[in-house]
């Protein structure tokens, strides 16, 4: 009987605690993607501010671009992008589908796909366009228990990869419909 109690205390109880912690961590990391989506909806880079660590590094896909270091410089990139969208009286949306998350005590690594849609102003009569890619994000916990991105890199991929990615329990997943199923 003592062996059974020792077994439970060593193996079963810590696993239950880890599952709870992992679920809570997943929720906090998933919240960063919600912030990102909201910033795109509102075309407001200030809403991305909580996503990136102040020393974050963004690794652009273009070989001619240097690393972008620091949340302020990363925010500037998004604000310029949002300003171009506003100038055209257009809208933009973004979706994420995380296919893998590796969590340790001091960091988490997400791998997945993103899809960005450009919705032109109605008077242009232009169709909605989209582009997508693969990404890797490394997050770290903050002192208050939230998580922030410390490294982000991405490159282009076919939208079929995004739409082919299945939802995984606990991982962020935007339920985006293919363009052929939606009307402008």
Protein backbone atom coordinates (compact mmCIF):
# COMPACT_ATOMS: atom_id res chain seq x y z
CA UNK A 1 0.00 0.00 0.00
CA UNK A 2 2.84 2.42 0.79
CA UNK A 3 4.32 1.76 -2.64
CA UNK A 4 1.03 2.73 -4.24
CA UNK A 5 0.86 6.03 -2.29
CA UNK A 6 4.48 6.83 -3.14
CA UNK A 7 3.78 6.09 -6.81
CA UNK A 8 0.76 8.41 -6.83
CA UNK A 9 2.61 11.21 -5.04
CA UNK A 10 5.64 10.99 -7.34
CA UNK A 11 4.02 10.50 -10.71
CA UNK A 12 0.31 11.19 -10.80
CA UNK A 13 -0.07 14.35 -8.68
CA UNK A 14 2.78 16.33 -10.36
CA UNK A 15 1.31 15.44 -13.76
CA UNK A 16 -2.06 16.88 -12.77
CA UNK A 17 -0.38 20.11 -11.61
CA UNK A 18 1.64 20.35 -14.82
CA UNK A 19 -1.49 19.85 -16.93
CA UNK A 20 -3.17 22.73 -15.10
CA UNK A 21 -0.09 24.94 -15.46
CA UNK A 22 0.27 24.03 -19.13
CA UNK A 23 -3.38 24.89 -19.78
CA UNK A 24 -2.94 28.26 -18.06
CA UNK A 25 0.28 28.93 -20.00
CA UNK A 26 -1.47 28.03 -23.27
CA UNK A 27 -4.23 30.54 -22.48
CA UNK A 28 -1.73 33.31 -21.76
CA UNK A 29 0.31 32.63 -24.89
CA UNK A 30 -2.86 32.37 -26.97
CA UNK A 31 -3.86 35.82 -25.67
CA UNK A 32 -0.85 37.30 -27.50
CA UNK A 33 -2.35 36.18 -30.81
CA UNK A 34 -5.69 37.74 -29.86
CA UNK A 35 -3.90 41.06 -29.19
CA UNK A 36 -2.29 40.80 -32.61
CA UNK A 37 -5.61 40.12 -34.37
CA UNK A 38 -7.26 43.03 -32.57
CA UNK A 39 -4.42 45.38 -33.60
CA UNK A 40 -4.97 44.38 -37.24
CA UNK A 41 -8.74 44.92 -36.97
CA UNK A 42 -8.24 48.39 -35.51
CA UNK A 43 -5.11 49.22 -37.54
CA UNK A 44 -3.45 50.25 -34.30
CA UNK A 45 0.14 49.18 -33.59
CA UNK A 46 -0.19 50.34 -29.97
CA UNK A 47 -2.34 47.26 -29.38
CA UNK A 48 0.62 45.07 -30.36
CA UNK A 49 2.74 46.67 -27.62
CA UNK A 50 1.92 43.99 -24.98
CA UNK A 51 2.82 41.19 -27.42
CA UNK A 52 6.53 41.94 -27.84
CA UNK A 53 9.19 41.99 -25.15
CA UNK A 54 11.06 45.33 -25.15
CA UNK A 55 14.20 43.49 -26.39
CA UNK A 56 12.37 41.33 -28.93
CA UNK A 57 14.02 40.40 -32.21
CA UNK A 58 12.09 40.18 -35.46
CA UNK A 59 13.82 38.24 -38.24
CA UNK A 60 12.38 39.43 -41.58
CA UNK A 61 11.99 37.02 -44.46
CA UNK A 62 13.79 39.22 -47.01
CA UNK A 63 17.49 38.53 -47.30
CA UNK A 64 18.14 42.24 -47.86
CA UNK A 65 16.56 43.25 -44.51
CA UNK A 66 18.53 43.40 -41.28
CA UNK A 67 17.27 42.10 -37.94
CA UNK A 68 14.81 44.39 -36.21
CA UNK A 69 15.65 44.65 -32.54
CA UNK A 70 13.39 46.12 -29.88
CA UNK A 71 9.64 46.37 -29.53
CA UNK A 72 9.60 50.06 -30.50
CA UNK A 73 11.19 49.37 -33.90
CA UNK A 74 8.92 46.37 -34.43
CA UNK A 75 5.87 48.51 -33.60
CA UNK A 76 7.05 51.10 -36.15
CA UNK A 77 6.97 48.49 -38.90
CA UNK A 78 3.39 47.61 -38.08
CA UNK A 79 2.34 51.24 -37.75
CA UNK A 80 3.76 52.02 -41.22
CA UNK A 81 1.90 49.00 -42.60
CA UNK A 82 -1.35 50.07 -40.90
CA UNK A 83 -0.91 53.64 -42.14
CA UNK A 84 -0.69 52.37 -45.74
CA UNK A 85 -3.91 50.41 -45.22
CA UNK A 86 -5.68 53.43 -43.69
CA UNK A 87 -4.48 55.65 -46.55
CA UNK A 88 -6.29 53.33 -48.98
CA UNK A 89 -9.44 53.29 -46.80
CA UNK A 90 -9.01 49.54 -46.71
CA UNK A 91 -9.09 46.90 -43.99
CA UNK A 92 -6.82 44.04 -43.11
CA UNK A 93 -7.27 40.90 -41.06
CA UNK A 94 -4.89 38.27 -39.80
CA UNK A 95 -5.37 34.70 -38.64
CA UNK A 96 -3.07 32.20 -36.95
CA UNK A 97 -3.05 28.44 -36.78
CA UNK A 98 -0.54 27.03 -34.33
CA UNK A 99 0.50 23.48 -35.18
CA UNK A 100 3.15 22.97 -32.50
CA UNK A 101 3.98 24.47 -29.11
CA UNK A 102 6.90 23.39 -26.96
CA UNK A 103 6.73 24.76 -23.41
CA UNK A 104 9.52 24.79 -20.84
CA UNK A 105 9.76 26.68 -17.55
CA UNK A 106 11.26 29.81 -19.10
CA UNK A 107 10.10 29.85 -22.72
CA UNK A 108 7.66 28.52 -25.28
CA UNK A 109 8.17 27.97 -28.97
CA UNK A 110 5.24 28.15 -31.40
CA UNK A 111 5.31 27.02 -34.99
CA UNK A 112 2.40 27.64 -37.29
CA UNK A 113 0.86 29.42 -40.23
CA UNK A 114 -0.58 32.91 -40.65
CA UNK A 115 -2.96 34.35 -43.21
CA UNK A 116 -3.37 38.06 -43.91
CA UNK A 117 -6.28 39.39 -45.92
CA UNK A 118 -6.35 42.79 -47.56
CA UNK A 119 -9.91 44.06 -47.98
CA UNK A 120 -9.95 47.04 -50.38
CA UNK A 121 -12.35 49.95 -50.00
CA UNK A 122 -15.75 49.19 -51.54
CA UNK A 123 -15.51 51.96 -54.15
CA UNK A 124 -12.42 50.32 -55.72
CA UNK A 125 -14.35 47.18 -56.67
CA UNK A 126 -11.08 45.26 -56.26
CA UNK A 127 -11.21 41.72 -54.92
CA UNK A 128 -9.99 40.70 -51.48
CA UNK A 129 -6.40 39.48 -51.65
CA UNK A 130 -4.52 37.31 -49.24
CA UNK A 131 -1.02 36.16 -48.48
CA UNK A 132 0.21 33.65 -45.99
CA UNK A 133 3.28 32.17 -44.46
CA UNK A 134 4.92 29.97 -41.88
CA UNK A 135 6.25 31.38 -38.63
CA UNK A 136 8.18 30.60 -35.50
CA UNK A 137 7.63 32.59 -32.30
CA UNK A 138 9.55 32.21 -29.06
CA UNK A 139 7.80 33.60 -25.98
CA UNK A 140 8.95 34.17 -22.41
CA UNK A 141 6.95 34.77 -19.25
CA UNK A 142 6.95 38.24 -17.73
CA UNK A 143 7.18 39.01 -14.03
CA UNK A 144 3.39 39.40 -13.84
CA UNK A 145 2.79 35.97 -15.42
CA UNK A 146 1.85 37.11 -18.93
CA UNK A 147 3.89 35.93 -21.90
CA UNK A 148 5.62 38.08 -24.54
CA UNK A 149 7.26 37.32 -27.84
CA UNK A 150 11.06 37.57 -27.71
CA UNK A 151 11.79 36.23 -31.19
CA UNK A 152 9.68 36.10 -34.33
CA UNK A 153 10.54 34.93 -37.79
CA UNK A 154 8.40 34.09 -40.79
CA UNK A 155 8.46 33.38 -44.47
CA UNK A 156 5.93 32.95 -47.23
CA UNK A 157 3.85 29.84 -47.77
CA UNK A 158 0.88 28.87 -49.88
CA UNK A 159 -2.53 29.58 -48.31
CA UNK A 160 -3.33 25.89 -48.76
CA UNK A 161 -0.91 25.12 -45.91
CA UNK A 162 -2.79 27.51 -43.62
CA UNK A 163 -6.16 26.06 -44.57
CA UNK A 164 -4.83 22.51 -44.26
CA UNK A 165 -3.64 23.03 -40.67
CA UNK A 166 -5.90 21.26 -38.18
CA UNK A 167 -6.95 22.69 -34.84
CA UNK A 168 -5.00 21.24 -31.91
CA UNK A 169 -6.29 21.18 -28.31
CA UNK A 170 -5.08 24.20 -26.34
CA UNK A 171 -3.34 25.88 -29.29
CA UNK A 172 -4.49 29.10 -30.94
CA UNK A 173 -6.55 28.55 -34.09
CA UNK A 174 -8.36 31.16 -36.16
CA UNK A 175 -11.39 29.74 -37.93
CA UNK A 176 -10.84 31.47 -41.26
CA UNK A 177 -12.92 30.43 -44.26
CA UNK A 178 -11.35 30.17 -47.72
CA UNK A 179 -12.11 33.17 -49.95
CA UNK A 180 -14.25 31.15 -52.32
CA UNK A 181 -16.67 30.56 -49.42
CA UNK A 182 -17.08 34.21 -48.40
CA UNK A 183 -18.45 37.31 -50.11
CA UNK A 184 -16.97 40.77 -49.84
